Amino acid sequence: MPECPVGRFAPTPSGRLHLGNMLCAMLAYLSVRSRGGRFLLRIEDVDAPRCPRSLAQQCIDDLRWLGFTWDGEVLYQSERTEIYHAALDRLTAAGHTYPCFCTRAQLMSLAAPNQGDTQVIYQRTCARLTPEEAAEKAKLRPPAIRLRVPAEEVSFVDGLFGAQTENLARDCGDFILRRSDGLYGYQLAVVVDDALQGVTEVVRGRDILTATPRQLYLQRLLGYASPGYVHIPLLVDAQGRRLAKRDRDLDLTALARRFSPEEILGMLAFSAGLIPEVRPVTLEQLIPEFAWANCRREDLRLPSLEP
């Protein structure tokens, strides 16, 4: 009997949901519900100082207003630090990590640009420290913890963008699992939570496409099964700019004053290619018609926001 698909939506509550967040939630929801699967809600508030519980509750309220339902209790990353600590201990015991004492300024001055873009590759400055040198530095500054990656290619097939390959050492470098302030990094937290929640499909924006190979590598080291991945096009405004939480005119506070939930979902469904015209629609009405084959692969332009 086929495995029951398990999907999730995992917002970071550092601001009000915007249309790009809602598009991701909608496609993740429709994908698993159209196959009779389970849909989970996870609040990625591991960076607790930036993500107050009041904003997390607002995200939950917004999703309910739009018509989303989910299975089980909402999971909060801020309540799971002991679980992340245990995973990090396993990696450290196996020799996969090392402490890094570099400041942000040092990282920017020492790192080499990655193929001319804005990403930088850590040059393993602290990987060469002896245990005695690391102990001396720890007296002055708490270290971040990095994962040592091999010069190995990791490949996967994305549900929309097809075959993807990344050389870990060349394209991403040793990355941080725990920051120097003690907060756990996104890569470790998301890998642990997806595995322990039984997630079989991850739907998220294509801006995170390059993070997938390092997560696949972490899953292998921790003995976790890997979910399937679908990275969706970004929703952009009329000028072609990616939507962000700072675009207050496109967050749900402003939109709810002008549109019903069904009108907002209709705009998103049309932008994604799920319906041929802009019209009010509910999530339940979209479920029977959903197919990834109908979804556009280029960045998605918003329709007119005039009521």
Foldseek 3Di string as FASTA:
>chain_A
DDDQAEEEQEDALLFFAFLQSVLLVLQRVLVRVLVVHFYAYEYECLVVVSHPVVSVVNNVVVCVQLPDDGPDDYHYLVVCLVVLVVLVVLCVVVPFKDWDDDDPVRQVVQWDDQVPDDATAGPCPRVPDDPVRVVVSCVPFQTFMWTAFDQDKFWDQAPQPGIDIDGCCRHHYTDTQAHSVGRGDPLSSVLSVCQVVVHQEYEEACVCVVVVRVSVVSCVSSVGDDHHYHHAAFEAEPVRHGDDSVPVCRGCVNLVVPDRSQQSVQQSCCQQQQDVDRDGDGSVRSNNSDDPVRGDRYHTYTDDSDD
